[in-house]
Amino acid sequence: MATFTTKDGTSIFDKDWGPRDAQPIMLHHGWPLSADDWDNQMLFFMDKGFRVIAHDRRGHGRSDQTDTGNEMDTYAADVTELADKLDLKGAVHIGHSTGGGEVIRYVARSRPGRVSKAVLIGAVPPIMLATPQYPGGLPMSVFDGFRQALLRNRAQFFLEIPAGPFYGFNRGGAEISEGLIRNWWRQGMMGGAKAHYDCITTFSETDFTKDLQSVSLPVLLMHGEDDQVVPIDASARKAIALLPNGTLKTYPGLSHGMFATHPDIINADLLAFIQAQAPA
């Protein structure tokens, strides 16, 4: 097990697989999960010759169950420390949901040469909460409901999310995977309740407008058109207009957790984006 300690004394768990001299791909998980959510992608890209890295965000998985610092600036600072520790150069950063927000905040602040491309999958930017600038977002009552459910019975809440909207298993005709549901629950219950509670505010109220506008590197937005957790009209279809060098790819009928339910489709598109050469 690999860990590193941040400047504020927090122990962060990370995986680092593959040749150390290969191009690095770093994967950033969503709420309230862990690096294990990327096992399929890590094995796929390692097999393709890449170096693959994933970490458990502070308060999540095997990292310290922090009661402070559970907000986006600290998340991005932790990534900066890890990237510096591993001396990642020309890395591709891929983030899902809250992890997509972490990616764009980190990339916007990263040192030249650290990052080559970024991918946001079902990601929260520009902001999930309805605001005067983004009236199509979700009402505060949705996130208050998340907080109430977590406080009332976190274990039950963490069964209902994957069994329902996260993977689209509440849709008629869905091919339900009990393994995915149980693995989601396992990952969620590994983390700390305080960090998970705080992160609801972080993923819903953080405004990434300036981050999106400042990133000139190639950014791919991938989003399921049937995403019930982060609705596409309030997220990716707004974010693409803010990116100087962005590409939006949508997936009819696919859910928030589409990289887990349809890895063959998503992995192939990720590989194509990573290997694509910049126009001359």
Protein backbone atom coordinates (compact mmCIF):
# COMPACT_ATOMS: atom_id res chain seq x y z
CA MET A 1 0.00 0.00 0.00
CA ALA A 2 1.41 3.39 -1.02
CA THR A 3 0.65 6.55 0.90
CA PHE A 4 2.03 10.05 1.12
CA THR A 5 1.58 12.73 3.74
CA THR A 6 0.44 16.18 2.69
CA LYS A 7 1.79 19.43 4.11
CA ASP A 8 -1.09 19.56 6.59
CA GLY A 9 -0.33 16.04 7.84
CA THR A 10 -3.04 14.13 5.98
CA SER A 11 -2.19 10.60 4.79
CA ILE A 12 -3.36 10.02 1.21
CA PHE A 13 -3.55 6.53 -0.34
CA ASP A 14 -2.49 6.13 -3.97
CA LYS A 15 -1.93 3.43 -6.59
CA ASP A 16 0.86 3.76 -9.14
CA TRP A 17 1.03 0.98 -11.72
CA GLY A 18 2.98 0.46 -14.92
CA PRO A 19 6.32 1.64 -16.33
CA ARG A 20 7.60 4.74 -14.55
CA ASP A 21 8.93 6.17 -17.82
CA ALA A 22 5.61 5.78 -19.67
CA GLN A 23 3.10 8.58 -20.21
CA PRO A 24 1.12 8.95 -16.98
CA ILE A 25 -2.66 8.85 -16.73
CA MET A 26 -4.09 9.99 -13.41
CA LEU A 27 -7.68 9.12 -12.53
CA HIS A 28 -9.84 11.07 -10.05
CA HIS A 29 -12.85 9.34 -8.49
CA GLY A 30 -16.30 10.70 -7.69
CA TRP A 31 -18.16 11.14 -4.40
CA PRO A 32 -18.15 9.16 -2.09
CA LEU A 33 -15.96 6.51 -3.69
CA SER A 34 -12.25 5.67 -4.01
CA ALA A 35 -9.47 4.85 -6.45
CA ASP A 36 -10.99 1.36 -6.75
CA ASP A 37 -13.75 2.80 -8.92
CA TRP A 38 -11.17 2.99 -11.71
CA ASP A 39 -9.89 -0.60 -11.58
CA ASN A 40 -11.15 -1.41 -15.08
CA GLN A 41 -9.57 1.69 -16.61
CA MET A 42 -6.31 1.22 -14.72
CA LEU A 43 -5.91 -2.34 -15.97
CA PHE A 44 -6.93 -1.33 -19.51
CA PHE A 45 -4.44 1.53 -19.79
CA MET A 46 -1.62 -0.31 -18.06
CA ASP A 47 -2.07 -3.06 -20.64
CA LYS A 48 -1.70 -0.38 -23.34
CA GLY A 49 1.68 0.62 -21.91
CA PHE A 50 0.71 3.66 -19.84
CA ARG A 51 1.62 4.48 -16.26
CA VAL A 52 -1.64 4.73 -14.31
CA ILE A 53 -2.20 6.52 -11.00
CA ALA A 54 -5.26 6.92 -8.81
CA HIS A 55 -5.64 8.18 -5.27
CA ASP A 56 -8.27 8.12 -2.56
CA ARG A 57 -9.29 11.73 -2.02
CA ARG A 58 -8.85 12.91 1.57
CA GLY A 59 -11.74 11.64 3.68
CA HIS A 60 -12.44 8.86 1.19
CA GLY A 61 -11.37 5.23 0.89
CA ARG A 62 -8.10 4.42 2.65
CA SER A 63 -6.99 8.04 3.12
CA ASP A 64 -7.35 9.80 6.46
CA GLN A 65 -10.93 10.52 7.50
CA THR A 66 -10.40 14.25 7.72
CA ASP A 67 -12.79 16.61 9.47
CA THR A 68 -11.29 19.68 7.76
CA GLY A 69 -10.06 20.51 4.25
CA ASN A 70 -12.93 18.74 2.52
CA GLU A 71 -13.28 21.39 -0.17
CA MET A 72 -12.09 21.84 -3.73
CA ASP A 73 -9.04 24.04 -3.22
CA THR A 74 -7.57 21.55 -0.76
CA TYR A 75 -8.46 18.60 -3.00
CA ALA A 76 -6.58 20.26 -5.87
CA ALA A 77 -3.65 21.11 -3.60
CA ASP A 78 -3.41 17.43 -2.59
CA VAL A 79 -3.24 16.48 -6.27
CA THR A 80 -0.48 19.05 -6.80
CA GLU A 81 1.53 17.50 -3.98
CA LEU A 82 1.04 13.99 -5.36
CA ALA A 83 1.94 15.03 -8.92
CA ASP A 84 5.08 16.72 -7.61
CA LYS A 85 5.99 13.70 -5.47
CA LEU A 86 5.65 11.36 -8.46
CA ASP A 87 7.17 13.97 -10.81
CA LEU A 88 4.37 13.50 -13.35
CA LYS A 89 5.08 15.16 -16.69
CA GLY A 90 2.74 15.40 -19.66
CA ALA A 91 0.04 13.59 -17.69
CA VAL A 92 -3.53 13.04 -18.80
CA HIS A 93 -5.95 13.69 -15.94
CA ILE A 94 -9.34 11.96 -16.06
CA GLY A 95 -12.02 12.82 -13.51
CA HIS A 96 -15.52 11.54 -12.89
CA SER A 97 -18.28 13.63 -11.27
CA THR A 98 -16.69 15.43 -8.29
CA GLY A 99 -13.36 14.17 -9.60
CA GLY A 100 -13.99 16.11 -12.79
CA GLY A 101 -14.21 19.28 -10.74
CA GLU A 102 -11.00 18.31 -8.98
CA VAL A 103 -9.31 17.81 -12.35
CA ILE A 104 -10.26 21.17 -13.85
CA ARG A 105 -9.35 23.03 -10.64
CA TYR A 106 -5.97 21.27 -10.52
CA VAL A 107 -5.22 21.69 -14.24
CA ALA A 108 -6.08 25.40 -14.08
CA ARG A 109 -3.41 25.82 -11.40
CA SER A 110 -0.83 23.25 -12.54
CA ARG A 111 2.73 24.09 -13.43
CA PRO A 112 3.67 24.10 -17.14
CA GLY A 113 4.60 20.63 -18.39
CA ARG A 114 2.73 18.69 -15.73
CA VAL A 115 -0.44 18.15 -17.80
CA SER A 116 -1.02 17.43 -21.49
CA LYS A 117 -4.78 16.77 -21.63
CA ALA A 118 -7.81 16.42 -19.39
CA VAL A 119 -11.05 14.45 -19.50
CA LEU A 120 -14.20 15.19 -17.50
CA ILE A 121 -16.71 12.31 -17.32
CA GLY A 122 -20.20 13.06 -16.00
CA ALA A 123 -18.54 15.96 -14.26
CA VAL A 124 -20.04 18.65 -12.03
CA PRO A 125 -18.63 21.82 -13.71
CA PRO A 126 -19.51 24.55 -14.16
CA ILE A 127 -21.74 24.29 -11.05
CA MET A 128 -24.50 21.89 -10.03
CA LEU A 129 -26.53 24.32 -7.92
CA ALA A 130 -28.98 26.63 -9.68
CA THR A 131 -27.64 30.20 -9.61
CA PRO A 132 -28.57 33.45 -11.39
CA GLN A 133 -25.76 32.75 -13.88
CA TYR A 134 -26.81 29.10 -14.32
CA PRO A 135 -30.56 28.93 -13.63
CA GLY A 136 -30.80 25.45 -15.15
CA GLY A 137 -28.97 23.88 -12.22
CA LEU A 138 -30.53 21.83 -9.45
CA PRO A 139 -32.33 23.44 -6.48
CA MET A 140 -30.75 23.49 -3.03
CA SER A 141 -33.49 21.14 -1.83
CA VAL A 142 -31.86 18.30 -3.79
CA PHE A 143 -28.60 18.67 -1.89
CA ASP A 144 -30.35 19.24 1.42
CA GLY A 145 -32.04 15.90 0.75
CA PHE A 146 -28.63 14.30 0.23
CA ARG A 147 -27.45 15.68 3.56
CA GLN A 148 -30.56 14.54 5.40
CA ALA A 149 -30.34 11.03 3.92
CA LEU A 150 -26.67 10.74 4.86
CA LEU A 151 -27.35 11.86 8.43
CA ARG A 152 -30.38 9.58 8.79
CA ASN A 153 -28.83 6.34 7.52
CA ARG A 154 -25.66 6.59 5.45
CA ALA A 155 -25.45 2.83 4.89
CA GLN A 156 -28.96 2.66 3.41
CA PHE A 157 -28.44 5.84 1.36
CA PHE A 158 -25.29 4.31 -0.10
CA LEU A 159 -27.31 1.33 -1.28
CA GLU A 160 -30.10 3.36 -2.81
CA ILE A 161 -27.86 5.56 -4.96
CA PRO A 162 -26.12 2.78 -6.94
CA ALA A 163 -29.23 0.61 -7.03
CA GLY A 164 -31.12 3.51 -8.60
CA PRO A 165 -29.99 6.61 -10.49
CA PHE A 166 -26.19 6.30 -10.44
CA TYR A 167 -26.02 3.41 -12.92
CA GLY A 168 -29.51 3.87 -14.35
CA PHE A 169 -30.65 0.64 -12.72
CA ASN A 170 -34.00 2.31 -12.02
CA ARG A 171 -34.76 2.42 -15.76
CA GLY A 172 -36.96 -0.17 -17.39
CA GLY A 173 -34.97 -2.89 -19.10
CA ALA A 174 -31.70 -2.02 -17.36
CA GLU A 175 -29.20 -4.86 -16.95
CA ILE A 176 -28.67 -4.66 -13.20
CA SER A 177 -25.28 -5.61 -11.74
CA GLU A 178 -25.43 -6.58 -8.08
CA GLY A 179 -21.64 -6.52 -8.05
CA LEU A 180 -21.49 -2.86 -9.06
CA ILE A 181 -24.04 -1.96 -6.39
CA ARG A 182 -22.15 -3.79 -3.67
CA ASN A 183 -18.80 -2.40 -4.79
CA TRP A 184 -20.18 1.15 -4.74
CA TRP A 185 -21.47 0.55 -1.20
CA ARG A 186 -18.14 -0.98 -0.12
CA GLN A 187 -16.17 2.00 -1.38
CA GLY A 188 -18.55 4.53 0.10
CA MET A 189 -18.61 2.99 3.56
CA MET A 190 -14.78 2.92 3.68
CA GLY A 191 -14.72 6.72 3.80
CA GLY A 192 -15.52 9.15 6.56
CA ALA A 193 -19.05 10.41 7.19
CA LYS A 194 -17.84 13.95 8.00
CA ALA A 195 -15.85 14.23 4.76
CA HIS A 196 -18.74 12.82 2.75
CA TYR A 197 -21.15 15.27 4.37
CA ASP A 198 -18.86 18.24 3.69
CA CYS A 199 -18.27 17.13 0.12
CA ILE A 200 -21.97 17.49 -0.73
CA THR A 201 -21.51 21.24 -0.39
CA THR A 202 -18.24 21.04 -2.31
CA PHE A 203 -19.60 19.20 -5.34
CA SER A 204 -22.84 21.19 -5.49
CA GLU A 205 -21.76 24.76 -4.74
CA THR A 206 -18.24 25.10 -6.18
CA ASP A 207 -18.25 27.34 -9.26
CA PHE A 208 -15.70 26.19 -11.85
CA THR A 209 -16.41 28.89 -14.46
CA LYS A 210 -13.02 30.59 -14.18
CA ASP A 211 -11.18 27.26 -14.12
CA LEU A 212 -12.85 26.14 -17.36
CA GLN A 213 -12.13 29.46 -19.04
CA SER A 214 -8.45 29.40 -18.08
CA VAL A 215 -7.54 25.91 -19.34
CA SER A 216 -6.19 26.08 -22.91
CA LEU A 217 -5.06 22.44 -23.06
CA PRO A 218 -7.31 19.93 -24.88
CA VAL A 219 -10.23 18.90 -22.67
CA LEU A 220 -12.72 16.15 -23.53
CA LEU A 221 -16.15 16.23 -21.92
CA MET A 222 -17.90 12.84 -21.88
CA HIS A 223 -21.45 12.72 -20.57
CA GLY A 224 -24.33 10.28 -20.56
CA GLU A 225 -27.51 11.78 -21.96
CA ASP A 226 -29.50 9.88 -19.31
CA ASP A 227 -27.32 11.05 -16.41
CA GLN A 228 -29.79 11.41 -13.52
CA VAL A 229 -27.18 12.54 -11.00
CA VAL A 230 -25.44 15.34 -12.93
CA PRO A 231 -27.94 16.31 -15.65
CA ILE A 232 -26.16 17.01 -18.92
CA ASP A 233 -28.02 20.21 -19.76
CA ALA A 234 -26.86 21.85 -16.54
CA SER A 235 -23.28 20.62 -16.75
CA ALA A 236 -21.45 19.46 -19.86
CA ARG A 237 -23.58 21.48 -22.28
CA LYS A 238 -22.77 24.60 -20.27
CA ALA A 239 -19.13 23.73 -19.62
CA ILE A 240 -18.26 23.20 -23.28
CA ALA A 241 -19.07 26.84 -24.05
CA LEU A 242 -16.51 27.96 -21.45
CA LEU A 243 -13.56 25.82 -22.58
CA PRO A 244 -11.13 27.39 -25.08
CA ASN A 245 -10.11 23.95 -26.42
CA GLY A 246 -12.91 21.60 -25.49
CA THR A 247 -14.70 18.70 -27.18
CA LEU A 248 -18.07 17.35 -26.05
CA LYS A 249 -19.00 13.71 -26.64
CA THR A 250 -22.40 12.54 -25.42
CA TYR A 251 -23.84 9.06 -25.04
CA PRO A 252 -27.56 8.48 -25.64
CA GLY A 253 -29.18 6.38 -22.93
CA LEU A 254 -26.09 6.09 -20.76
CA SER A 255 -25.98 6.91 -17.06
CA HIS A 256 -23.79 8.78 -14.61
CA GLY A 257 -21.71 5.65 -14.03
CA MET A 258 -21.28 4.81 -17.71
CA PHE A 259 -17.53 4.11 -17.49
CA ALA A 260 -18.40 1.20 -15.16
CA THR A 261 -21.46 -0.11 -17.00
CA HIS A 262 -19.99 0.35 -20.52
CA PRO A 263 -16.19 0.29 -20.12
CA ASP A 264 -15.52 -1.00 -23.64
CA ILE A 265 -17.17 2.07 -25.16
CA ILE A 266 -15.68 4.61 -22.76
CA ASN A 267 -12.17 3.12 -22.70
CA ALA A 268 -11.95 3.12 -26.50
CA ASP A 269 -12.97 6.77 -26.67
CA LEU A 270 -10.55 7.71 -23.91
CA LEU A 271 -7.70 5.96 -25.72
CA ALA A 272 -8.54 7.68 -29.00
CA PHE A 273 -8.50 11.10 -27.32
CA ILE A 274 -5.25 10.43 -25.50
CA GLN A 275 -3.49 9.18 -28.65
CA ALA A 276 -4.84 11.90 -30.96
CA GLN A 277 -2.19 14.24 -32.27
CA ALA A 278 -2.67 17.99 -32.12
CA PRO A 279 -3.41 19.61 -35.51
CA ALA A 280 -0.29 20.84 -37.26
